[in-house]
PDB file of N, CA and C in Angstrom:
ATOM      1  N   MET A   1       0.868  -1.514   0.339  1.00  0.00           N
ATOM      2  CA  MET A   1      -0.209   0.258  -0.287  1.00  0.00           C
ATOM      3  C   MET A   1       0.890   1.224   0.157  1.00  0.00           C
ATOM      4  N   GLY A   2       1.634   1.258   0.438  1.00  0.00           N
ATOM      5  CA  GLY A   2       3.129   2.055   0.209  1.00  0.00           C
ATOM      6  C   GLY A   2       3.561   2.625  -0.500  1.00  0.00           C
ATOM      7  N   ALA A   3       3.364   1.801  -1.658  1.00  0.00           N
ATOM      8  CA  ALA A   3       3.997   1.482  -2.797  1.00  0.00           C
ATOM      9  C   ALA A   3       3.150   2.708  -4.132  1.00  0.00           C
ATOM     10  N   LEU A   4       2.195   2.666  -3.816  1.00  0.00           N
ATOM     11  CA  LEU A   4       1.090   3.050  -4.626  1.00  0.00           C
ATOM     12  C   LEU A   4       0.397   4.119  -3.697  1.00  0.00           C
ATOM     13  N   LYS A   5       0.910   4.124  -2.572  1.00  0.00           N
ATOM     14  CA  LYS A   5       1.140   6.002  -1.474  1.00  0.00           C
ATOM     15  C   LYS A   5      -1.108   5.643  -1.088  1.00  0.00           C
ATOM     16  N   LEU A   6      -1.168   4.468  -0.623  1.00  0.00           N
ATOM     17  CA  LEU A   6      -2.330   4.837   0.141  1.00  0.00           C
ATOM     18  C   LEU A   6      -2.307   5.010   1.665  1.00  0.00           C
ATOM     19  N   TYR A   7      -2.127   5.810   2.087  1.00  0.00           N
ATOM     20  CA  TYR A   7      -1.536   6.213   3.438  1.00  0.00           C
ATOM     21  C   TYR A   7      -2.778   5.743   4.388  1.00  0.00           C
ATOM     22  N   GLY A   8      -4.034   6.205   3.710  1.00  0.00           N
ATOM     23  CA  GLY A   8      -5.649   6.326   4.866  1.00  0.00           C
ATOM     24  C   GLY A   8      -5.183   4.961   4.368  1.00  0.00           C
ATOM     25  N   MET A   9      -5.605   4.399   3.880  1.00  0.00           N
ATOM     26  CA  MET A   9      -5.732   2.641   4.107  1.00  0.00           C
ATOM     27  C   MET A   9      -4.422   1.334   4.792  1.00  0.00           C
ATOM     28  N   ARG A  10      -3.416   2.088   4.597  1.00  0.00           N
ATOM     29  CA  ARG A  10      -2.611   1.300   4.958  1.00  0.00           C
ATOM     30  C   ARG A  10      -1.942   2.035   6.833  1.00  0.00           C
ATOM     31  N   SER A  11      -2.266   3.081   7.039  1.00  0.00           N
ATOM     32  CA  SER A  11      -2.570   3.203   8.727  1.00  0.00           C
ATOM     33  C   SER A  11      -3.992   2.731   9.148  1.00  0.00           C
ATOM     34  N   ALA A  12      -4.876   2.319   7.989  1.00  0.00           N
ATOM     35  CA  ALA A  12      -6.477   1.722   8.740  1.00  0.00           C
ATOM     36  C   ALA A  12      -6.138   0.227   9.253  1.00  0.00           C
ATOM     37  N   TYR A  13      -5.235   0.025   8.346  1.00  0.00           N
ATOM     38  CA  TYR A  13      -5.784  -1.316   7.881  1.00  0.00           C
ATOM     39  C   TYR A  13      -5.781  -2.859   9.136  1.00  0.00           C
ATOM     40  N   ASP A  14      -4.959  -2.567  10.207  1.00  0.00           N
ATOM     41  CA  ASP A  14      -4.730  -3.354  11.268  1.00  0.00           C
ATOM     42  C   ASP A  14      -6.550  -3.285  11.457  1.00  0.00           C
ATOM     43  N   GLU A  15      -6.343  -1.564  12.157  1.00  0.00           N
ATOM     44  CA  GLU A  15      -8.125  -1.378  13.025  1.00  0.00           C
ATOM     45  C   GLU A  15      -8.898  -2.420  11.764  1.00  0.00           C
ATOM     46  N   ILE A  16      -9.111  -2.058  10.551  1.00  0.00           N
ATOM     47  CA  ILE A  16      -9.972  -2.695  10.129  1.00  0.00           C
ATOM     48  C   ILE A  16     -10.151  -4.523   9.844  1.00  0.00           C
ATOM     49  N   MET A  17      -9.132  -4.447  10.164  1.00  0.00           N
ATOM     50  CA  MET A  17      -9.023  -6.691   9.489  1.00  0.00           C
ATOM     51  C   MET A  17      -9.594  -6.942  10.631  1.00  0.00           C
ATOM     52  N   GLY A  18      -8.763  -6.470  11.921  1.00  0.00           N
ATOM     53  CA  GLY A  18      -9.105  -6.491  13.674  1.00  0.00           C
ATOM     54  C   GLY A  18     -10.871  -6.792  13.538  1.00  0.00           C
ATOM     55  N   VAL A  19     -11.254  -5.852  13.287  1.00  0.00           N
ATOM     56  CA  VAL A  19     -12.630  -6.003  13.522  1.00  0.00           C
ATOM     57  C   VAL A  19     -13.061  -6.420  12.235  1.00  0.00           C
ATOM     58  N   ALA A  20     -12.825  -6.779  11.097  1.00  0.00           N
ATOM     59  CA  ALA A  20     -13.470  -7.828   9.794  1.00  0.00           C
ATOM     60  C   ALA A  20     -13.503  -8.991  10.471  1.00  0.00           C
ATOM     61  N   ILE A  21     -12.104  -9.792  10.975  1.00  0.00           N
ATOM     62  CA  ILE A  21     -11.946 -10.662  11.606  1.00  0.00           C
ATOM     63  C   ILE A  21     -12.960 -11.003  12.307  1.00  0.00           C
ATOM     64  N   LYS A  22     -12.817 -10.207  12.984  1.00  0.00           N
ATOM     65  CA  LYS A  22     -14.140 -11.017  14.422  1.00  0.00           C
ATOM     66  C   LYS A  22     -15.249 -10.774  14.248  1.00  0.00           C
ATOM     67  N   ARG A  23     -15.849 -10.057  13.331  1.00  0.00           N
ATOM     68  CA  ARG A  23     -17.518 -10.278  12.783  1.00  0.00           C
ATOM     69  C   ARG A  23     -17.172 -10.917  11.605  1.00  0.00           C
ATOM     70  N   ARG A  24     -16.682 -10.878  10.698  1.00  0.00           N
ATOM     71  CA  ARG A  24     -16.462 -12.214  10.057  1.00  0.00           C
ATOM     72  C   ARG A  24     -16.985 -11.339   9.002  1.00  0.00           C
ATOM     73  N   HIS A  25     -16.421 -10.548   8.423  1.00  0.00           N
ATOM     74  CA  HIS A  25     -16.821  -9.581   7.141  1.00  0.00           C
ATOM     75  C   HIS A  25     -16.715 -10.488   6.163  1.00  0.00           C
ATOM     76  N   GLU A  26     -17.097  -9.652   4.588  1.00  0.00           N
ATOM     77  CA  GLU A  26     -17.465 -10.666   3.308  1.00  0.00           C
ATOM     78  C   GLU A  26     -15.919  -9.691   3.089  1.00  0.00           C
ATOM     79  N   PRO A  27     -15.321 -10.527   1.970  1.00  0.00           N
ATOM     80  CA  PRO A  27     -14.282  -9.102   1.536  1.00  0.00           C
ATOM     81  C   PRO A  27     -14.809  -8.137   1.231  1.00  0.00           C
ATOM     82  N   PRO A  28     -16.247  -7.584   0.288  1.00  0.00           N
ATOM     83  CA  PRO A  28     -16.191  -6.593  -0.805  1.00  0.00           C
ATOM     84  C   PRO A  28     -16.516  -5.713   0.840  1.00  0.00           C
ATOM     85  N   ARG A  29     -16.489  -6.421   1.762  1.00  0.00           N
ATOM     86  CA  ARG A  29     -17.219  -5.084   3.038  1.00  0.00           C
ATOM     87  C   ARG A  29     -15.601  -4.894   3.292  1.00  0.00           C
ATOM     88  N   ILE A  30     -14.626  -5.236   3.700  1.00  0.00           N
ATOM     89  CA  ILE A  30     -13.581  -5.406   3.937  1.00  0.00           C
ATOM     90  C   ILE A  30     -12.984  -4.127   2.759  1.00  0.00           C
ATOM     91  N   VAL A  31     -12.690  -4.147   1.761  1.00  0.00           N
ATOM     92  CA  VAL A  31     -12.299  -3.185   0.411  1.00  0.00           C
ATOM     93  C   VAL A  31     -13.184  -2.184   0.499  1.00  0.00           C
ATOM     94  N   GLY A  32     -13.998  -1.942   1.042  1.00  0.00           N
ATOM     95  CA  GLY A  32     -15.303  -0.977   0.793  1.00  0.00           C
ATOM     96  C   GLY A  32     -14.696  -0.019   2.231  1.00  0.00           C
ATOM     97  N   ASP A  33     -14.614  -0.777   3.296  1.00  0.00           N
ATOM     98  CA  ASP A  33     -14.311  -0.065   4.755  1.00  0.00           C
ATOM     99  C   ASP A  33     -12.654   0.565   4.112  1.00  0.00           C
ATOM    100  N   LEU A  34     -12.425  -0.453   3.722  1.00  0.00           N
ATOM    101  CA  LEU A  34     -10.452   0.487   3.203  1.00  0.00           C
ATOM    102  C   LEU A  34     -10.680   1.826   2.447  1.00  0.00           C
ATOM    103  N   LEU A  35     -11.153   1.697   1.831  1.00  0.00           N
ATOM    104  CA  LEU A  35     -11.601   2.826   0.784  1.00  0.00           C
ATOM    105  C   LEU A  35     -11.859   3.740   1.388  1.00  0.00           C
ATOM    106  N   GLN A  36     -12.778   3.594   1.867  1.00  0.00           N
ATOM    107  CA  GLN A  36     -13.906   4.315   2.648  1.00  0.00           C
ATOM    108  C   GLN A  36     -12.645   4.927   3.503  1.00  0.00           C
ATOM    109  N   ALA A  37     -11.657   4.472   3.888  1.00  0.00           N
ATOM    110  CA  ALA A  37     -10.720   5.379   5.223  1.00  0.00           C
ATOM    111  C   ALA A  37      -9.292   5.855   4.171  1.00  0.00           C
ATOM    112  N   GLU A  38      -9.155   5.363   3.230  1.00  0.00           N
ATOM    113  CA  GLU A  38      -8.759   6.210   2.477  1.00  0.00           C
ATOM    114  C   GLU A  38      -8.729   7.377   1.462  1.00  0.00           C
ATOM    115  N   ILE A  39     -10.445   7.703   1.518  1.00  0.00           N
ATOM    116  CA  ILE A  39     -10.887   9.005   1.282  1.00  0.00           C
ATOM    117  C   ILE A  39     -11.126   9.426   2.018  1.00  0.00           C
ATOM    118  N   SER A  40     -11.203   8.921   4.103  1.00  0.00           N
ATOM    119  CA  SER A  40     -11.435   9.984   4.483  1.00  0.00           C
ATOM    120  C   SER A  40     -10.160  11.051   4.861  1.00  0.00           C
ATOM    121  N   GLU A  41      -8.933   9.537   4.572  1.00  0.00           N
ATOM    122  CA  GLU A  41      -7.535  10.518   4.016  1.00  0.00           C
ATOM    123  C   GLU A  41      -7.423  11.336   3.867  1.00  0.00           C
ATOM    124  N   LYS A  42      -7.442  11.394   2.177  1.00  0.00           N
ATOM    125  CA  LYS A  42      -7.377  12.384   1.063  1.00  0.00           C
ATOM    126  C   LYS A  42      -8.418  14.012   1.854  1.00  0.00           C
ATOM    127  N   GLN A  43      -9.176  13.378   2.266  1.00  0.00           N
ATOM    128  CA  GLN A  43      -9.929  14.759   2.264  1.00  0.00           C
ATOM    129  C   GLN A  43      -9.431  15.427   3.483  1.00  0.00           C
ATOM    130  N   ALA A  44      -9.104  14.790   4.565  1.00  0.00           N
ATOM    131  CA  ALA A  44      -8.559  15.670   5.570  1.00  0.00           C
ATOM    132  C   ALA A  44      -7.234  15.898   5.419  1.00  0.00           C
ATOM    133  N   ARG A  45      -6.228  15.467   4.127  1.00  0.00           N
ATOM    134  CA  ARG A  45      -4.573  16.336   4.118  1.00  0.00           C
ATOM    135  C   ARG A  45      -5.109  16.935   2.914  1.00  0.00           C
ATOM    136  N   SER A  46      -6.377  17.297   2.386  1.00  0.00           N
ATOM    137  CA  SER A  46      -6.731  17.754   1.594  1.00  0.00           C
ATOM    138  C   SER A  46      -6.904  19.834   2.212  1.00  0.00           C
ATOM    139  N   ILE A  47      -7.760  19.901   3.339  1.00  0.00           N
ATOM    140  CA  ILE A  47      -8.745  20.662   4.352  1.00  0.00           C
ATOM    141  C   ILE A  47      -6.967  21.136   4.640  1.00  0.00           C
ATOM    142  N   LYS A  48      -6.357  20.341   5.536  1.00  0.00           N
ATOM    143  CA  LYS A  48      -5.191  20.626   6.425  1.00  0.00           C
ATOM    144  C   LYS A  48      -3.694  21.587   5.297  1.00  0.00           C
ATOM    145  N   TYR A  49      -4.248  20.907   3.833  1.00  0.00           N
ATOM    146  CA  TYR A  49      -2.870  21.159   2.979  1.00  0.00           C
ATOM    147  C   TYR A  49      -3.605  23.042   1.943  1.00  0.00           C
ATOM    148  N   HIS A  50      -5.203  23.144   2.666  1.00  0.00           N
ATOM    149  CA  HIS A  50      -6.076  24.312   2.182  1.00  0.00           C
ATOM    150  C   HIS A  50      -6.164  25.168   3.292  1.00  0.00           C
ATOM    151  N   SER A  51      -6.033  25.150   4.231  1.00  0.00           N
ATOM    152  CA  SER A  51      -5.837  26.117   5.850  1.00  0.00           C
ATOM    153  C   SER A  51      -4.959  26.587   6.546  1.00  0.00           C
ATOM    154  N   PRO A  52      -4.572  27.938   5.954  1.00  0.00           N
ATOM    155  CA  PRO A  52      -3.062  27.945   7.098  1.00  0.00           C
ATOM    156  C   PRO A  52      -3.242  27.725   8.025  1.00  0.00           C
ATOM    157  N   SER A  53      -1.582  27.609   7.934  1.00  0.00           N
ATOM    158  CA  SER A  53      -0.474  27.313   9.383  1.00  0.00           C
ATOM    159  C   SER A  53      -0.893  28.334  10.064  1.00  0.00           C
ATOM    160  N   PRO A  54      -0.949  27.710  11.592  1.00  0.00           N
ATOM    161  CA  PRO A  54      -0.882  29.060  12.548  1.00  0.00           C
ATOM    162  C   PRO A  54       0.151  30.395  12.370  1.00  0.00           C
ATOM    163  N   SER A  55       1.569  29.677  11.999  1.00  0.00           N
ATOM    164  CA  SER A  55       2.538  30.304  12.226  1.00  0.00           C
ATOM    165  C   SER A  55       2.596  31.151  10.778  1.00  0.00           C
ATOM    166  N   CYS A  56       2.054  31.039   9.716  1.00  0.00           N
ATOM    167  CA  CYS A  56       1.489  32.032   8.565  1.00  0.00           C
ATOM    168  C   CYS A  56       0.999  33.536   9.156  1.00  0.00           C
ATOM    169  N   ARG A  57       1.949  34.304   9.009  1.00  0.00           N
ATOM    170  CA  ARG A  57       1.817  35.755   9.082  1.00  0.00           C
ATOM    171  C   ARG A  57       0.791  36.514   7.691  1.00  0.00           C
ATOM    172  N   TRP A  58      -0.462  36.616   7.816  1.00  0.00           N
ATOM    173  CA  TRP A  58      -1.022  37.578   7.212  1.00  0.00           C
ATOM    174  C   TRP A  58      -0.517  38.938   6.992  1.00  0.00           C
ATOM    175  N   PRO A  59       0.062  39.922   6.049  1.00  0.00           N
ATOM    176  CA  PRO A  59       0.808  41.024   5.749  1.00  0.00           C
ATOM    177  C   PRO A  59      -0.696  41.567   6.942  1.00  0.00           C
ATOM    178  N   ARG A  60      -0.772  42.411   7.804  1.00  0.00           N
ATOM    179  CA  ARG A  60      -1.200  43.566   7.585  1.00  0.00           C
ATOM    180  C   ARG A  60      -1.603  44.413   7.200  1.00  0.00           C
ATOM    181  N   THR A  61      -3.282  45.068   7.104  1.00  0.00           N
ATOM    182  CA  THR A  61      -3.228  46.434   6.141  1.00  0.00           C
ATOM    183  C   THR A  61      -3.425  47.290   7.076  1.00  0.00           C
ATOM    184  N   SER A  62      -2.909  48.045   6.416  1.00  0.00           N
ATOM    185  CA  SER A  62      -2.297  50.156   7.088  1.00  0.00           C
ATOM    186  C   SER A  62      -3.811  51.153   7.154  1.00  0.00           C
ATOM    187  N   THR A  63      -3.922  51.450   7.759  1.00  0.00           N
ATOM    188  CA  THR A  63      -5.328  52.521   7.648  1.00  0.00           C
ATOM    189  C   THR A  63      -4.500  54.158   7.538  1.00  0.00           C
ATOM    190  N   THR A  64      -3.487  53.938   7.655  1.00  0.00           N
ATOM    191  CA  THR A  64      -3.058  54.992   7.294  1.00  0.00           C
ATOM    192  C   THR A  64      -2.539  55.301   6.136  1.00  0.00           C
ATOM    193  N   SER A  65      -2.934  56.475   5.267  1.00  0.00           N
ATOM    194  CA  SER A  65      -2.267  56.232   3.605  1.00  0.00           C
ATOM    195  C   SER A  65      -0.740  56.767   3.330  1.00  0.00           C
ATOM    196  N   THR A  66       0.086  55.918   2.929  1.00  0.00           N
ATOM    197  CA  THR A  66       1.483  56.652   2.563  1.00  0.00           C
ATOM    198  C   THR A  66       1.660  57.750   1.378  1.00  0.00           C
ATOM    199  N   SER A  67       0.815  57.666   0.990  1.00  0.00           N
ATOM    200  CA  SER A  67       0.087  58.884  -0.641  1.00  0.00           C
ATOM    201  C   SER A  67       0.537  60.350   0.230  1.00  0.00           C
ATOM    202  N   PRO A  68       0.668  61.706  -0.765  1.00  0.00           N
ATOM    203  CA  PRO A  68       1.309  62.958   0.081  1.00  0.00           C
ATOM    204  C   PRO A  68      -0.818  63.445   0.423  1.00  0.00           C
ATOM    205  N   THR A  69      -0.659  64.016   1.340  1.00  0.00           N
ATOM    206  CA  THR A  69      -1.995  64.564   1.275  1.00  0.00           C
ATOM    207  C   THR A  69      -2.646  65.627  -0.135  1.00  0.00           C
ATOM    208  N   ARG A  70      -3.175  65.974  -0.246  1.00  0.00           N
ATOM    209  CA  ARG A  70      -2.998  67.195  -1.118  1.00  0.00           C
ATOM    210  C   ARG A  70      -4.696  67.982  -0.826  1.00  0.00           C
ATOM    211  N   ARG A  71      -4.002  68.877  -0.557  1.00  0.00           N
ATOM    212  CA  ARG A  71      -5.303  70.210   0.443  1.00  0.00           C
ATOM    213  C   ARG A  71      -5.707  70.685  -1.288  1.00  0.00           C
ATOM    214  N   SER A  72      -7.331  71.218  -1.131  1.00  0.00           N
ATOM    215  CA  SER A  72      -7.411  72.189  -2.070  1.00  0.00           C
ATOM    216  C   SER A  72      -7.112  73.294  -2.202  1.00  0.00           C
ATOM    217  N   PRO A  73      -7.505  74.010  -3.637  1.00  0.00           N
ATOM    218  CA  PRO A  73      -7.438  74.994  -3.145  1.00  0.00           C
ATOM    219  C   PRO A  73      -8.433  75.931  -2.211  1.00  0.00           C
ATOM    220  N   ASN A  74      -7.928  77.137  -1.368  1.00  0.00           N
ATOM    221  CA  ASN A  74      -9.313  77.508  -0.911  1.00  0.00           C
ATOM    222  C   ASN A  74      -9.689  79.440  -1.456  1.00  0.00           C
ATOM    223  N   PRO A  75     -11.653  78.773  -2.361  1.00  0.00           N
ATOM    224  CA  PRO A  75     -11.625  79.156  -2.870  1.00  0.00           C
ATOM    225  C   PRO A  75     -11.606  80.994  -2.842  1.00  0.00           C
TER     226      PRO A  75
END
């Protein structure tokens, strides 16, 4: 599973197989559970990738203008 980059399946394999043996699940059910673990892992990784990290510092917007102010001529 590591060579295929199925990290979700790899991490959940022992738990899924333990439950499957104990409850005598059929092979299609086991494969379905492994696939669901992989999908969940990929979704979690995607959310983590798109979320800003706590150490990321966003640029602050300034409330003061950096351009010189123009005064209108007095009428």
